[in-house]
Amino acid sequence: MSKIPITIAGAEKLRAELQELKTVRRPAIVTAIAEARSHGDLAENAEYHAAKERQGFIEGRIAELESKLANAQIIDTRLLDADGRCVFGATVELEDAASGETVTYQIVGDDEADIKQGRISISSPTARALIGKYAGDTAEVKAPGGVREYEILDVKYV
């Protein structure tokens, strides 16, 4: 399996979720299953079946997070030196050519993307159009709503 890029903050968030699942939720679900078992007949015990289902989801998420972390290529965005080029982890200030509106995005891994916080996935159409470009360049983004043009105003590594 190939390495998946992720920022330090994104890796820490995944580690925190994994820690919480292993130390808080997993023991709680084991207790809930034991409690439900004590109520008698398991064939008609809805609490038991619900707890077992939750346990399956928790164990699946633990396995998923462990796999993602094992295959992660953690990138410290503060140490990037790409000579002003748009790369993974870069924070890019853009101006929409049509509306003149400016936006700022950080290019991050798929698990970290959150458009409301200005973080776009490396696999998004916008990020793919920006990769390799410099401040002053124009990027054409082929989005579902049509083609949009952005001028790259600034590229930072923070």
C-alpha atoms as a PDB file:
ATOM      1  CA  MET A   1       0.000   0.000   0.000  1.00  0.00           C
ATOM      2  CA  SER A   2       1.336   3.434  -0.882  1.00  0.00           C
ATOM      3  CA  LYS A   3       1.986   6.139   1.676  1.00  0.00           C
ATOM      4  CA  ILE A   4      -0.837   8.630   2.247  1.00  0.00           C
ATOM      5  CA  PRO A   5       0.222  12.234   2.941  1.00  0.00           C
ATOM      6  CA  ILE A   6      -1.075  13.810   6.134  1.00  0.00           C
ATOM      7  CA  THR A   7      -0.082  16.860   8.150  1.00  0.00           C
ATOM      8  CA  ILE A   8       1.178  16.613  11.735  1.00  0.00           C
ATOM      9  CA  ALA A   9      -2.108  18.083  13.018  1.00  0.00           C
ATOM     10  CA  GLY A  10      -4.112  15.541  11.024  1.00  0.00           C
ATOM     11  CA  ALA A  11      -2.047  12.645  12.354  1.00  0.00           C
ATOM     12  CA  GLU A  12      -2.470  13.892  15.922  1.00  0.00           C
ATOM     13  CA  LYS A  13      -6.239  14.106  15.434  1.00  0.00           C
ATOM     14  CA  LEU A  14      -6.346  10.498  14.193  1.00  0.00           C
ATOM     15  CA  ARG A  15      -4.147   9.348  17.106  1.00  0.00           C
ATOM     16  CA  ALA A  16      -6.416  11.120  19.603  1.00  0.00           C
ATOM     17  CA  GLU A  17      -9.509   9.459  18.131  1.00  0.00           C
ATOM     18  CA  LEU A  18      -7.774   6.066  18.194  1.00  0.00           C
ATOM     19  CA  GLN A  19      -6.739   6.563  21.819  1.00  0.00           C
ATOM     20  CA  GLU A  20     -10.283   7.530  22.809  1.00  0.00           C
ATOM     21  CA  LEU A  21     -11.759   4.502  21.025  1.00  0.00           C
ATOM     22  CA  LYS A  22      -9.306   2.107  22.699  1.00  0.00           C
ATOM     23  CA  THR A  23      -9.356   3.537  26.224  1.00  0.00           C
ATOM     24  CA  VAL A  24     -12.899   4.885  26.609  1.00  0.00           C
ATOM     25  CA  ARG A  25     -15.350   3.481  24.103  1.00  0.00           C
ATOM     26  CA  ARG A  26     -14.067  -0.093  23.829  1.00  0.00           C
ATOM     27  CA  PRO A  27     -14.178  -0.719  27.615  1.00  0.00           C
ATOM     28  CA  ALA A  28     -17.609   0.961  27.826  1.00  0.00           C
ATOM     29  CA  ILE A  29     -19.042  -1.306  25.124  1.00  0.00           C
ATOM     30  CA  VAL A  30     -17.607  -4.407  26.831  1.00  0.00           C
ATOM     31  CA  THR A  31     -19.391  -3.338  30.012  1.00  0.00           C
ATOM     32  CA  ALA A  32     -22.626  -2.710  28.074  1.00  0.00           C
ATOM     33  CA  ILE A  33     -22.437  -6.185  26.488  1.00  0.00           C
ATOM     34  CA  ALA A  34     -21.870  -7.817  29.886  1.00  0.00           C
ATOM     35  CA  GLU A  35     -24.843  -5.879  31.306  1.00  0.00           C
ATOM     36  CA  ALA A  36     -27.073  -6.888  28.396  1.00  0.00           C
ATOM     37  CA  ARG A  37     -26.029 -10.548  28.749  1.00  0.00           C
ATOM     38  CA  SER A  38     -27.123 -10.522  32.367  1.00  0.00           C
ATOM     39  CA  HIS A  39     -30.695  -9.772  31.252  1.00  0.00           C
ATOM     40  CA  GLY A  40     -31.169 -13.339  30.054  1.00  0.00           C
ATOM     41  CA  ASP A  41     -32.184 -14.768  26.662  1.00  0.00           C
ATOM     42  CA  LEU A  42     -29.815 -13.353  24.011  1.00  0.00           C
ATOM     43  CA  ALA A  43     -32.058 -14.295  21.070  1.00  0.00           C
ATOM     44  CA  GLU A  44     -34.605 -11.613  21.947  1.00  0.00           C
ATOM     45  CA  ASN A  45     -32.316  -9.172  23.757  1.00  0.00           C
ATOM     46  CA  ALA A  46     -32.316  -5.904  21.777  1.00  0.00           C
ATOM     47  CA  GLU A  47     -29.804  -4.251  24.131  1.00  0.00           C
ATOM     48  CA  TYR A  48     -27.327  -7.064  23.543  1.00  0.00           C
ATOM     49  CA  HIS A  49     -27.677  -6.930  19.744  1.00  0.00           C
ATOM     50  CA  ALA A  50     -27.345  -3.129  19.708  1.00  0.00           C
ATOM     51  CA  ALA A  51     -24.240  -3.286  21.905  1.00  0.00           C
ATOM     52  CA  LYS A  52     -22.672  -5.979  19.703  1.00  0.00           C
ATOM     53  CA  GLU A  53     -23.376  -3.837  16.631  1.00  0.00           C
ATOM     54  CA  ARG A  54     -21.752  -0.797  18.270  1.00  0.00           C
ATOM     55  CA  GLN A  55     -18.785  -2.987  19.184  1.00  0.00           C
ATOM     56  CA  GLY A  56     -18.440  -3.982  15.521  1.00  0.00           C
ATOM     57  CA  PHE A  57     -18.419  -0.321  14.438  1.00  0.00           C
ATOM     58  CA  ILE A  58     -15.846   0.598  17.090  1.00  0.00           C
ATOM     59  CA  GLU A  59     -13.542  -2.310  16.194  1.00  0.00           C
ATOM     60  CA  GLY A  60     -13.864  -1.460  12.500  1.00  0.00           C
ATOM     61  CA  ARG A  61     -12.963   2.193  13.122  1.00  0.00           C
ATOM     62  CA  ILE A  62      -9.986   1.164  15.275  1.00  0.00           C
ATOM     63  CA  ALA A  63      -8.699  -1.067  12.470  1.00  0.00           C
ATOM     64  CA  GLU A  64      -9.251   1.715   9.913  1.00  0.00           C
ATOM     65  CA  LEU A  65      -7.386   4.313  12.006  1.00  0.00           C
ATOM     66  CA  GLU A  66      -4.491   1.946  12.726  1.00  0.00           C
ATOM     67  CA  SER A  67      -4.165   1.212   9.009  1.00  0.00           C
ATOM     68  CA  LYS A  68      -4.272   4.902   8.067  1.00  0.00           C
ATOM     69  CA  LEU A  69      -1.625   5.787  10.636  1.00  0.00           C
ATOM     70  CA  ALA A  70       0.599   2.868   9.600  1.00  0.00           C
ATOM     71  CA  ASN A  71       0.457   4.029   5.968  1.00  0.00           C
ATOM     72  CA  ALA A  72       0.701   7.750   6.677  1.00  0.00           C
ATOM     73  CA  GLN A  73       3.492   9.927   5.400  1.00  0.00           C
ATOM     74  CA  ILE A  74       3.479  12.686   8.022  1.00  0.00           C
ATOM     75  CA  ILE A  75       4.570  16.023   6.585  1.00  0.00           C
ATOM     76  CA  ASP A  76       5.619  18.992   8.704  1.00  0.00           C
ATOM     77  CA  THR A  77       4.331  21.943   6.690  1.00  0.00           C
ATOM     78  CA  ARG A  78       6.645  24.359   8.522  1.00  0.00           C
ATOM     79  CA  LEU A  79       9.698  22.569   7.105  1.00  0.00           C
ATOM     80  CA  LEU A  80       8.528  22.691   3.483  1.00  0.00           C
ATOM     81  CA  ASP A  81      10.774  24.537   1.072  1.00  0.00           C
ATOM     82  CA  ALA A  82       9.220  24.366  -2.373  1.00  0.00           C
ATOM     83  CA  ASP A  83      10.426  27.760  -3.649  1.00  0.00           C
ATOM     84  CA  GLY A  84       6.936  29.281  -3.567  1.00  0.00           C
ATOM     85  CA  ARG A  85       5.324  26.385  -5.435  1.00  0.00           C
ATOM     86  CA  CYS A  86       1.937  24.930  -4.463  1.00  0.00           C
ATOM     87  CA  VAL A  87       2.562  21.553  -2.827  1.00  0.00           C
ATOM     88  CA  PHE A  88       0.887  19.362  -0.214  1.00  0.00           C
ATOM     89  CA  GLY A  89       0.587  21.328   3.023  1.00  0.00           C
ATOM     90  CA  ALA A  90       0.910  24.754   1.397  1.00  0.00           C
ATOM     91  CA  THR A  91      -1.532  27.518   2.320  1.00  0.00           C
ATOM     92  CA  VAL A  92      -2.673  29.244  -0.851  1.00  0.00           C
ATOM     93  CA  GLU A  93      -4.466  32.576  -1.228  1.00  0.00           C
ATOM     94  CA  LEU A  94      -6.613  32.678  -4.354  1.00  0.00           C
ATOM     95  CA  GLU A  95      -8.684  35.264  -6.170  1.00  0.00           C
ATOM     96  CA  ASP A  96     -11.674  34.113  -8.193  1.00  0.00           C
ATOM     97  CA  ALA A  97     -11.219  35.656 -11.663  1.00  0.00           C
ATOM     98  CA  ALA A  98     -14.980  36.008 -12.213  1.00  0.00           C
ATOM     99  CA  SER A  99     -16.090  37.468  -8.883  1.00  0.00           C
ATOM    100  CA  GLY A 100     -12.878  38.959  -7.488  1.00  0.00           C
ATOM    101  CA  GLU A 101     -13.533  37.142  -4.199  1.00  0.00           C
ATOM    102  CA  THR A 102     -10.429  35.983  -2.329  1.00  0.00           C
ATOM    103  CA  VAL A 103     -10.193  32.705  -0.418  1.00  0.00           C
ATOM    104  CA  THR A 104      -7.404  30.968   1.452  1.00  0.00           C
ATOM    105  CA  TYR A 105      -7.005  27.186   1.477  1.00  0.00           C
ATOM    106  CA  GLN A 106      -4.495  24.780   2.941  1.00  0.00           C
ATOM    107  CA  ILE A 107      -3.932  21.644   0.873  1.00  0.00           C
ATOM    108  CA  VAL A 108      -4.223  18.649   3.230  1.00  0.00           C
ATOM    109  CA  GLY A 109      -4.899  14.912   3.230  1.00  0.00           C
ATOM    110  CA  ASP A 110      -8.317  13.419   2.552  1.00  0.00           C
ATOM    111  CA  ASP A 111      -9.050  12.760   6.244  1.00  0.00           C
ATOM    112  CA  GLU A 112      -8.216  16.335   7.254  1.00  0.00           C
ATOM    113  CA  ALA A 113     -10.247  18.198   4.647  1.00  0.00           C
ATOM    114  CA  ASP A 114     -12.775  20.680   6.043  1.00  0.00           C
ATOM    115  CA  ILE A 115     -13.853  23.425   3.681  1.00  0.00           C
ATOM    116  CA  LYS A 116     -15.358  25.474   6.531  1.00  0.00           C
ATOM    117  CA  GLN A 117     -11.904  25.702   8.106  1.00  0.00           C
ATOM    118  CA  GLY A 118     -10.180  26.397   4.789  1.00  0.00           C
ATOM    119  CA  ARG A 119      -8.625  22.947   4.349  1.00  0.00           C
ATOM    120  CA  ILE A 120      -9.102  21.213   1.001  1.00  0.00           C
ATOM    121  CA  SER A 121      -8.210  17.643   0.122  1.00  0.00           C
ATOM    122  CA  ILE A 122      -5.160  16.968  -2.029  1.00  0.00           C
ATOM    123  CA  SER A 123      -7.457  14.907  -4.278  1.00  0.00           C
ATOM    124  CA  SER A 124     -10.014  17.711  -4.779  1.00  0.00           C
ATOM    125  CA  PRO A 125     -10.282  19.348  -8.225  1.00  0.00           C
ATOM    126  CA  THR A 126      -9.119  22.687  -6.783  1.00  0.00           C
ATOM    127  CA  ALA A 127      -6.000  21.241  -5.141  1.00  0.00           C
ATOM    128  CA  ARG A 128      -5.105  19.205  -8.225  1.00  0.00           C
ATOM    129  CA  ALA A 129      -5.322  22.369 -10.342  1.00  0.00           C
ATOM    130  CA  LEU A 130      -3.083  24.270  -7.896  1.00  0.00           C
ATOM    131  CA  ILE A 131      -0.285  21.702  -7.406  1.00  0.00           C
ATOM    132  CA  GLY A 132       2.921  22.837  -9.056  1.00  0.00           C
ATOM    133  CA  LYS A 133       1.802  26.423  -9.663  1.00  0.00           C
ATOM    134  CA  TYR A 134       3.407  29.597  -8.268  1.00  0.00           C
ATOM    135  CA  ALA A 135       2.099  32.944  -6.988  1.00  0.00           C
ATOM    136  CA  GLY A 136       0.979  34.976 -10.003  1.00  0.00           C
ATOM    137  CA  ASP A 137      -0.077  31.888 -11.978  1.00  0.00           C
ATOM    138  CA  THR A 138      -3.657  31.195 -12.993  1.00  0.00           C
ATOM    139  CA  ALA A 139      -5.280  27.858 -12.214  1.00  0.00           C
ATOM    140  CA  GLU A 140      -8.273  26.466 -14.098  1.00  0.00           C
ATOM    141  CA  VAL A 141     -10.434  24.312 -11.856  1.00  0.00           C
ATOM    142  CA  LYS A 142     -12.736  21.845 -13.553  1.00  0.00           C
ATOM    143  CA  ALA A 143     -15.456  21.606 -10.918  1.00  0.00           C
ATOM    144  CA  PRO A 144     -18.906  20.012 -11.151  1.00  0.00           C
ATOM    145  CA  GLY A 145     -20.410  23.512 -11.561  1.00  0.00           C
ATOM    146  CA  GLY A 146     -18.162  24.268 -14.537  1.00  0.00           C
ATOM    147  CA  VAL A 147     -14.680  25.657 -15.086  1.00  0.00           C
ATOM    148  CA  ARG A 148     -13.503  28.361 -12.656  1.00  0.00           C
ATOM    149  CA  GLU A 149     -10.348  30.401 -12.900  1.00  0.00           C
ATOM    150  CA  TYR A 150      -8.313  31.450  -9.894  1.00  0.00           C
ATOM    151  CA  GLU A 151      -5.272  33.673  -9.709  1.00  0.00           C
ATOM    152  CA  ILE A 152      -2.778  32.520  -7.095  1.00  0.00           C
ATOM    153  CA  LEU A 153      -1.983  35.556  -4.947  1.00  0.00           C
ATOM    154  CA  ASP A 154       0.299  33.967  -2.349  1.00  0.00           C
ATOM    155  CA  VAL A 155       1.741  30.604  -1.311  1.00  0.00           C
ATOM    156  CA  LYS A 156       2.842  30.057   2.304  1.00  0.00           C
ATOM    157  CA  TYR A 157       4.152  27.106   4.288  1.00  0.00           C
ATOM    158  CA  VAL A 158       2.813  27.462   7.834  1.00  0.00           C
END
